[in-house]
Amino acid sequence: MEPRNQTDVSEFLLLGLTEDPELQPVLFSLFVSMYLATLLGNLLIVLAVSSASHLHTPMYFFVSSLSFTDICFSTTMIPNMLVNIQAQNHSIIYIGYLTQVCFVLVFTGLDNFLLATVGYDLYVAICHPLIYTTIMNTCLCGLLSLLSLLISIANVLTHSLMVLHLSFCTDLEIPRFFCELDQILKLACSDTIINYILVYFVASFFFFVVVFLSLESFSLTLRLSPLL
């Protein structure tokens, strides 16, 4: 099977969860319900934090940012999947696939770094309660959020540039209902060892940062709880 360059790739096929036509309405209803629940719940959090002045604190700022990120993450995947189910069309153009992968990676990375920021916020609140508002000021909160976004975008740009150099074979079927980076790497005919090294390195870094800060904040909470 001869490989062909990615510029010749017109579309991918997202096979979804099942091809049984009788299950399509069930899946459609299920995902619509899940999406609406996610959208409504997170939107209520954002509106509550925005409208209540006593909630204008660093902690609730990061909570509302996480909710907004969850809304964007869900909107990146589910509406396109619902359209495919309803129209019985599982194809997605090459640019559309890469675009969805980029947005998924951006919001996944942003969500991870915001969780790490929440851990740092909790750490400051526990260890330095008297100067908490001085440390976690508006400027620092905005800077941490912006830094999280910039790191996520830089990560996506790195992966995207690496993917653009790949060539693909004629088999472009993907056994998923949304676009993932690892699936496009599996379809590549060219060498992807550097891509996988980059993926594992970034995933390990994100995992270490989030888990370390989260465990540290919970550890401090448990140690100081008898004194509270």
C-alpha atoms as a PDB file:
ATOM      1  CA  MET A   1       0.000   0.000   0.000  1.00  0.00           C
ATOM      2  CA  GLU A   2       1.597   3.248  -1.109  1.00  0.00           C
ATOM      3  CA  PRO A   3       1.491   6.158   1.318  1.00  0.00           C
ATOM      4  CA  ARG A   4       0.264   9.503   0.217  1.00  0.00           C
ATOM      5  CA  ASN A   5       1.092  12.944   1.552  1.00  0.00           C
ATOM      6  CA  GLN A   6      -1.285  14.666   3.925  1.00  0.00           C
ATOM      7  CA  THR A   7      -2.053  17.333   1.313  1.00  0.00           C
ATOM      8  CA  ASP A   8      -3.847  14.629  -0.698  1.00  0.00           C
ATOM      9  CA  VAL A   9      -5.996  13.565   2.270  1.00  0.00           C
ATOM     10  CA  SER A  10      -9.517  14.910   1.764  1.00  0.00           C
ATOM     11  CA  GLU A  11     -11.381  13.431   4.728  1.00  0.00           C
ATOM     12  CA  PHE A  12     -11.394  10.933   7.584  1.00  0.00           C
ATOM     13  CA  LEU A  13     -14.198   8.604   8.618  1.00  0.00           C
ATOM     14  CA  LEU A  14     -15.268   8.690  12.265  1.00  0.00           C
ATOM     15  CA  LEU A  15     -16.914   5.302  12.757  1.00  0.00           C
ATOM     16  CA  GLY A  16     -18.451   6.281  16.098  1.00  0.00           C
ATOM     17  CA  LEU A  17     -19.640   3.913  18.804  1.00  0.00           C
ATOM     18  CA  THR A  18     -21.829   1.689  16.626  1.00  0.00           C
ATOM     19  CA  GLU A  19     -23.176   1.413  13.107  1.00  0.00           C
ATOM     20  CA  ASP A  20     -26.475  -0.147  14.226  1.00  0.00           C
ATOM     21  CA  PRO A  21     -29.222   2.225  12.956  1.00  0.00           C
ATOM     22  CA  GLU A  22     -31.561   1.219  15.786  1.00  0.00           C
ATOM     23  CA  LEU A  23     -29.092   2.495  18.387  1.00  0.00           C
ATOM     24  CA  GLN A  24     -28.454   5.838  16.691  1.00  0.00           C
ATOM     25  CA  PRO A  25     -31.554   7.597  18.190  1.00  0.00           C
ATOM     26  CA  VAL A  26     -30.641   6.264  21.638  1.00  0.00           C
ATOM     27  CA  LEU A  27     -27.080   7.554  21.350  1.00  0.00           C
ATOM     28  CA  PHE A  28     -28.326  10.880  20.006  1.00  0.00           C
ATOM     29  CA  SER A  29     -30.716  11.357  22.930  1.00  0.00           C
ATOM     30  CA  LEU A  30     -28.087  10.267  25.449  1.00  0.00           C
ATOM     31  CA  PHE A  31     -25.418  12.645  24.209  1.00  0.00           C
ATOM     32  CA  VAL A  32     -27.872  15.530  23.838  1.00  0.00           C
ATOM     33  CA  SER A  33     -28.909  15.058  27.471  1.00  0.00           C
ATOM     34  CA  MET A  34     -25.314  14.868  28.655  1.00  0.00           C
ATOM     35  CA  TYR A  35     -24.325  17.939  26.651  1.00  0.00           C
ATOM     36  CA  LEU A  36     -27.265  20.025  27.869  1.00  0.00           C
ATOM     37  CA  ALA A  37     -26.623  18.998  31.478  1.00  0.00           C
ATOM     38  CA  THR A  38     -22.930  19.902  31.161  1.00  0.00           C
ATOM     39  CA  LEU A  39     -23.733  23.172  29.424  1.00  0.00           C
ATOM     40  CA  LEU A  40     -26.445  24.194  31.886  1.00  0.00           C
ATOM     41  CA  GLY A  41     -24.517  23.224  35.037  1.00  0.00           C
ATOM     42  CA  ASN A  42     -21.311  25.010  34.067  1.00  0.00           C
ATOM     43  CA  LEU A  43     -23.171  28.022  32.705  1.00  0.00           C
ATOM     44  CA  LEU A  44     -25.021  28.413  36.004  1.00  0.00           C
ATOM     45  CA  ILE A  45     -21.693  28.375  37.852  1.00  0.00           C
ATOM     46  CA  VAL A  46     -20.253  31.059  35.569  1.00  0.00           C
ATOM     47  CA  LEU A  47     -23.356  33.240  35.894  1.00  0.00           C
ATOM     48  CA  ALA A  48     -23.509  32.795  39.671  1.00  0.00           C
ATOM     49  CA  VAL A  49     -19.879  33.813  40.136  1.00  0.00           C
ATOM     50  CA  SER A  50     -20.244  36.746  37.741  1.00  0.00           C
ATOM     51  CA  SER A  51     -23.429  38.115  39.289  1.00  0.00           C
ATOM     52  CA  ALA A  52     -22.618  37.717  43.011  1.00  0.00           C
ATOM     53  CA  SER A  53     -20.112  40.301  44.221  1.00  0.00           C
ATOM     54  CA  HIS A  54     -19.177  38.286  47.336  1.00  0.00           C
ATOM     55  CA  LEU A  55     -17.989  35.490  45.025  1.00  0.00           C
ATOM     56  CA  HIS A  56     -15.457  37.720  43.275  1.00  0.00           C
ATOM     57  CA  THR A  57     -12.535  35.958  44.915  1.00  0.00           C
ATOM     58  CA  PRO A  58      -9.556  34.101  43.384  1.00  0.00           C
ATOM     59  CA  MET A  59     -10.999  30.693  44.258  1.00  0.00           C
ATOM     60  CA  TYR A  60     -14.319  31.305  42.523  1.00  0.00           C
ATOM     61  CA  PHE A  61     -12.576  33.024  39.633  1.00  0.00           C
ATOM     62  CA  PHE A  62     -10.670  29.806  38.915  1.00  0.00           C
ATOM     63  CA  VAL A  63     -13.820  27.720  39.466  1.00  0.00           C
ATOM     64  CA  SER A  64     -15.702  29.781  36.890  1.00  0.00           C
ATOM     65  CA  SER A  65     -12.717  29.540  34.527  1.00  0.00           C
ATOM     66  CA  LEU A  66     -12.798  25.748  34.858  1.00  0.00           C
ATOM     67  CA  SER A  67     -16.535  25.741  34.142  1.00  0.00           C
ATOM     68  CA  PHE A  68     -16.059  27.894  31.062  1.00  0.00           C
ATOM     69  CA  THR A  69     -13.272  25.585  29.872  1.00  0.00           C
ATOM     70  CA  ASP A  70     -15.546  22.558  30.329  1.00  0.00           C
ATOM     71  CA  ILE A  71     -18.215  24.275  28.236  1.00  0.00           C
ATOM     72  CA  CYS A  72     -15.718  24.936  25.447  1.00  0.00           C
ATOM     73  CA  PHE A  73     -14.316  21.401  25.650  1.00  0.00           C
ATOM     74  CA  SER A  74     -17.761  19.808  25.353  1.00  0.00           C
ATOM     75  CA  THR A  75     -18.804  22.168  22.559  1.00  0.00           C
ATOM     76  CA  THR A  76     -15.687  21.239  20.594  1.00  0.00           C
ATOM     77  CA  MET A  77     -16.709  17.580  20.322  1.00  0.00           C
ATOM     78  CA  ILE A  78     -20.379  16.851  20.986  1.00  0.00           C
ATOM     79  CA  PRO A  79     -22.240  19.120  18.507  1.00  0.00           C
ATOM     80  CA  ASN A  80     -20.229  17.784  15.566  1.00  0.00           C
ATOM     81  CA  MET A  81     -20.851  14.227  16.747  1.00  0.00           C
ATOM     82  CA  LEU A  82     -24.610  14.897  17.043  1.00  0.00           C
ATOM     83  CA  VAL A  83     -24.691  16.280  13.511  1.00  0.00           C
ATOM     84  CA  ASN A  84     -22.922  13.162  12.228  1.00  0.00           C
ATOM     85  CA  ILE A  85     -25.371  10.874  14.019  1.00  0.00           C
ATOM     86  CA  GLN A  86     -28.418  12.774  12.793  1.00  0.00           C
ATOM     87  CA  ALA A  87     -27.198  13.060   9.203  1.00  0.00           C
ATOM     88  CA  GLN A  88     -25.748   9.536   9.129  1.00  0.00           C
ATOM     89  CA  ASN A  89     -22.552  11.069   7.786  1.00  0.00           C
ATOM     90  CA  HIS A  90     -19.355   9.975   9.514  1.00  0.00           C
ATOM     91  CA  SER A  91     -16.882  11.828   7.333  1.00  0.00           C
ATOM     92  CA  ILE A  92     -14.881  14.853   8.451  1.00  0.00           C
ATOM     93  CA  ILE A  93     -12.515  16.847   6.280  1.00  0.00           C
ATOM     94  CA  TYR A  94      -8.798  16.824   7.031  1.00  0.00           C
ATOM     95  CA  ILE A  95      -8.691  20.470   8.137  1.00  0.00           C
ATOM     96  CA  GLY A  96     -11.770  19.929  10.294  1.00  0.00           C
ATOM     97  CA  TYR A  97     -10.160  16.952  11.981  1.00  0.00           C
ATOM     98  CA  LEU A  98      -6.962  18.870  12.761  1.00  0.00           C
ATOM     99  CA  THR A  99      -8.972  21.857  13.989  1.00  0.00           C
ATOM    100  CA  GLN A 100     -10.955  19.718  16.417  1.00  0.00           C
ATOM    101  CA  VAL A 101      -7.775  18.006  17.633  1.00  0.00           C
ATOM    102  CA  CYS A 102      -6.205  21.418  18.273  1.00  0.00           C
ATOM    103  CA  PHE A 103      -9.187  22.699  20.246  1.00  0.00           C
ATOM    104  CA  VAL A 104      -9.395  19.476  22.263  1.00  0.00           C
ATOM    105  CA  LEU A 105      -5.712  19.748  23.165  1.00  0.00           C
ATOM    106  CA  VAL A 106      -6.004  23.454  24.024  1.00  0.00           C
ATOM    107  CA  PHE A 107      -8.922  23.005  26.403  1.00  0.00           C
ATOM    108  CA  THR A 108      -7.493  19.799  27.890  1.00  0.00           C
ATOM    109  CA  GLY A 109      -4.189  21.509  28.640  1.00  0.00           C
ATOM    110  CA  LEU A 110      -5.943  24.624  29.935  1.00  0.00           C
ATOM    111  CA  ASP A 111      -8.125  22.516  32.211  1.00  0.00           C
ATOM    112  CA  ASN A 112      -5.071  20.722  33.637  1.00  0.00           C
ATOM    113  CA  PHE A 113      -3.169  23.925  34.316  1.00  0.00           C
ATOM    114  CA  LEU A 114      -6.215  25.584  35.868  1.00  0.00           C
ATOM    115  CA  LEU A 115      -6.524  22.604  38.201  1.00  0.00           C
ATOM    116  CA  ALA A 116      -2.871  23.086  39.128  1.00  0.00           C
ATOM    117  CA  THR A 117      -3.581  26.769  39.722  1.00  0.00           C
ATOM    118  CA  VAL A 118      -6.498  25.873  41.975  1.00  0.00           C
ATOM    119  CA  GLY A 119      -4.083  23.678  43.956  1.00  0.00           C
ATOM    120  CA  TYR A 120      -1.684  26.600  44.321  1.00  0.00           C
ATOM    121  CA  ASP A 121      -4.549  28.879  45.357  1.00  0.00           C
ATOM    122  CA  LEU A 122      -5.574  26.400  48.055  1.00  0.00           C
ATOM    123  CA  TYR A 123      -1.964  26.145  49.193  1.00  0.00           C
ATOM    124  CA  VAL A 124      -1.710  29.917  49.654  1.00  0.00           C
ATOM    125  CA  ALA A 125      -5.091  30.074  51.408  1.00  0.00           C
ATOM    126  CA  ILE A 126      -4.023  27.408  53.937  1.00  0.00           C
ATOM    127  CA  CYS A 127      -0.419  28.395  54.564  1.00  0.00           C
ATOM    128  CA  HIS A 128      -0.722  32.179  54.305  1.00  0.00           C
ATOM    129  CA  PRO A 129      -4.324  33.075  55.191  1.00  0.00           C
ATOM    130  CA  LEU A 130      -3.470  36.537  56.516  1.00  0.00           C
ATOM    131  CA  ILE A 131      -1.834  37.675  53.300  1.00  0.00           C
ATOM    132  CA  TYR A 132      -3.895  35.512  50.961  1.00  0.00           C
ATOM    133  CA  THR A 133      -5.629  38.419  49.233  1.00  0.00           C
ATOM    134  CA  THR A 134      -2.294  40.204  48.858  1.00  0.00           C
ATOM    135  CA  ILE A 135      -0.599  37.235  47.172  1.00  0.00           C
ATOM    136  CA  MET A 136      -3.572  36.086  45.076  1.00  0.00           C
ATOM    137  CA  ASN A 137      -4.372  39.520  43.704  1.00  0.00           C
ATOM    138  CA  THR A 138      -6.207  40.250  40.473  1.00  0.00           C
ATOM    139  CA  CYS A 139      -2.983  40.699  38.525  1.00  0.00           C
ATOM    140  CA  LEU A 140      -1.577  37.323  39.589  1.00  0.00           C
ATOM    141  CA  CYS A 141      -4.863  35.505  38.900  1.00  0.00           C
ATOM    142  CA  GLY A 142      -5.015  36.978  35.417  1.00  0.00           C
ATOM    143  CA  LEU A 143      -1.350  36.193  34.826  1.00  0.00           C
ATOM    144  CA  LEU A 144      -1.747  32.552  35.898  1.00  0.00           C
ATOM    145  CA  SER A 145      -4.787  32.111  33.658  1.00  0.00           C
ATOM    146  CA  LEU A 146      -3.038  33.744  30.710  1.00  0.00           C
ATOM    147  CA  LEU A 147       0.081  31.651  31.288  1.00  0.00           C
ATOM    148  CA  SER A 148      -2.029  28.482  31.367  1.00  0.00           C
ATOM    149  CA  LEU A 149      -3.630  29.437  28.060  1.00  0.00           C
ATOM    150  CA  LEU A 150      -0.315  30.324  26.408  1.00  0.00           C
ATOM    151  CA  ILE A 151       1.321  27.060  27.487  1.00  0.00           C
ATOM    152  CA  SER A 152      -1.653  25.103  26.160  1.00  0.00           C
ATOM    153  CA  ILE A 153      -1.528  26.928  22.822  1.00  0.00           C
ATOM    154  CA  ALA A 154       2.242  26.407  22.564  1.00  0.00           C
ATOM    155  CA  ASN A 155       1.725  22.697  23.190  1.00  0.00           C
ATOM    156  CA  VAL A 156      -0.915  22.508  20.454  1.00  0.00           C
ATOM    157  CA  LEU A 157       1.225  24.389  17.952  1.00  0.00           C
ATOM    158  CA  THR A 158       4.098  21.979  18.588  1.00  0.00           C
ATOM    159  CA  HIS A 159       1.914  18.907  18.003  1.00  0.00           C
ATOM    160  CA  SER A 160       0.271  20.482  14.953  1.00  0.00           C
ATOM    161  CA  LEU A 161       3.576  21.265  13.272  1.00  0.00           C
ATOM    162  CA  MET A 162       4.726  17.702  13.897  1.00  0.00           C
ATOM    163  CA  VAL A 163       1.500  16.256  12.423  1.00  0.00           C
ATOM    164  CA  LEU A 164       1.751  18.401   9.294  1.00  0.00           C
ATOM    165  CA  HIS A 165       4.950  16.559   8.342  1.00  0.00           C
ATOM    166  CA  LEU A 166       3.260  13.144   8.407  1.00  0.00           C
ATOM    167  CA  SER A 167       2.106  11.169   5.387  1.00  0.00           C
ATOM    168  CA  PHE A 168      -0.951   8.911   5.389  1.00  0.00           C
ATOM    169  CA  CYS A 169      -2.070   5.696   3.749  1.00  0.00           C
ATOM    170  CA  THR A 170      -5.411   5.092   2.082  1.00  0.00           C
ATOM    171  CA  ASP A 171      -7.050   3.564   5.174  1.00  0.00           C
ATOM    172  CA  LEU A 172      -8.489   6.640   6.930  1.00  0.00           C
ATOM    173  CA  GLU A 173     -11.167   5.034   9.135  1.00  0.00           C
ATOM    174  CA  ILE A 174     -11.042   6.041  12.808  1.00  0.00           C
ATOM    175  CA  PRO A 175     -12.926   3.950  15.408  1.00  0.00           C
ATOM    176  CA  ARG A 176     -13.910   7.012  17.475  1.00  0.00           C
ATOM    177  CA  PHE A 177     -16.749   9.515  17.599  1.00  0.00           C
ATOM    178  CA  PHE A 178     -14.457  12.534  17.992  1.00  0.00           C
ATOM    179  CA  CYS A 179     -11.000  13.558  16.833  1.00  0.00           C
ATOM    180  CA  GLU A 180      -7.950  12.489  18.840  1.00  0.00           C
ATOM    181  CA  LEU A 181      -4.257  13.032  18.290  1.00  0.00           C
ATOM    182  CA  ASP A 182      -3.259   9.408  18.895  1.00  0.00           C
ATOM    183  CA  GLN A 183      -5.695   8.178  16.226  1.00  0.00           C
ATOM    184  CA  ILE A 184      -4.221  10.366  13.518  1.00  0.00           C
ATOM    185  CA  LEU A 185      -0.752   9.152  14.516  1.00  0.00           C
ATOM    186  CA  LYS A 186      -1.894   5.531  14.111  1.00  0.00           C
ATOM    187  CA  LEU A 187      -3.014   6.242  10.550  1.00  0.00           C
ATOM    188  CA  ALA A 188       0.312   7.752   9.536  1.00  0.00           C
ATOM    189  CA  CYS A 189       2.579   5.747   7.239  1.00  0.00           C
ATOM    190  CA  SER A 190       5.657   7.789   8.091  1.00  0.00           C
ATOM    191  CA  ASP A 191       7.756   7.456  11.251  1.00  0.00           C
ATOM    192  CA  THR A 192       5.911   8.812  14.318  1.00  0.00           C
ATOM    193  CA  ILE A 193       8.406   7.974  17.064  1.00  0.00           C
ATOM    194  CA  ILE A 194       9.191  11.644  17.730  1.00  0.00           C
ATOM    195  CA  ASN A 195       5.474  12.465  17.841  1.00  0.00           C
ATOM    196  CA  TYR A 196       4.853   9.770  20.441  1.00  0.00           C
ATOM    197  CA  ILE A 197       7.857  10.870  22.510  1.00  0.00           C
ATOM    198  CA  LEU A 198       6.482  14.409  22.518  1.00  0.00           C
ATOM    199  CA  VAL A 199       2.976  13.202  23.431  1.00  0.00           C
ATOM    200  CA  TYR A 200       4.226  11.092  26.362  1.00  0.00           C
ATOM    201  CA  PHE A 201       6.548  13.840  27.584  1.00  0.00           C
ATOM    202  CA  VAL A 202       3.834  16.501  27.592  1.00  0.00           C
ATOM    203  CA  ALA A 203       1.243  14.166  29.151  1.00  0.00           C
ATOM    204  CA  SER A 204       3.700  13.190  31.899  1.00  0.00           C
ATOM    205  CA  PHE A 205       4.554  16.835  32.574  1.00  0.00           C
ATOM    206  CA  PHE A 206       0.878  17.851  32.822  1.00  0.00           C
ATOM    207  CA  PHE A 207       0.122  14.868  35.049  1.00  0.00           C
ATOM    208  CA  PHE A 208       3.062  15.587  37.353  1.00  0.00           C
ATOM    209  CA  VAL A 209       2.221  19.283  37.772  1.00  0.00           C
ATOM    210  CA  VAL A 210      -1.485  18.733  38.463  1.00  0.00           C
ATOM    211  CA  VAL A 211      -1.071  15.701  40.730  1.00  0.00           C
ATOM    212  CA  PHE A 212       1.838  17.179  42.692  1.00  0.00           C
ATOM    213  CA  LEU A 213       0.076  20.466  43.448  1.00  0.00           C
ATOM    214  CA  SER A 214      -3.223  18.730  44.200  1.00  0.00           C
ATOM    215  CA  LEU A 215      -1.655  16.209  46.580  1.00  0.00           C
ATOM    216  CA  GLU A 216       0.351  18.955  48.248  1.00  0.00           C
ATOM    217  CA  SER A 217      -2.731  21.083  48.854  1.00  0.00           C
ATOM    218  CA  PHE A 218      -4.734  18.139  50.230  1.00  0.00           C
ATOM    219  CA  SER A 219      -1.797  17.126  52.409  1.00  0.00           C
ATOM    220  CA  LEU A 220      -1.617  20.603  53.910  1.00  0.00           C
ATOM    221  CA  THR A 221      -5.368  20.591  54.470  1.00  0.00           C
ATOM    222  CA  LEU A 222      -5.197  17.318  56.399  1.00  0.00           C
ATOM    223  CA  ARG A 223      -2.209  18.432  58.469  1.00  0.00           C
ATOM    224  CA  LEU A 224      -3.743  21.766  59.405  1.00  0.00           C
ATOM    225  CA  SER A 225      -7.351  20.622  59.822  1.00  0.00           C
ATOM    226  CA  PRO A 226      -6.939  19.813  63.577  1.00  0.00           C
ATOM    227  CA  LEU A 227      -5.809  23.384  64.106  1.00  0.00           C
ATOM    228  CA  LEU A 228      -8.778  24.932  62.318  1.00  0.00           C
END
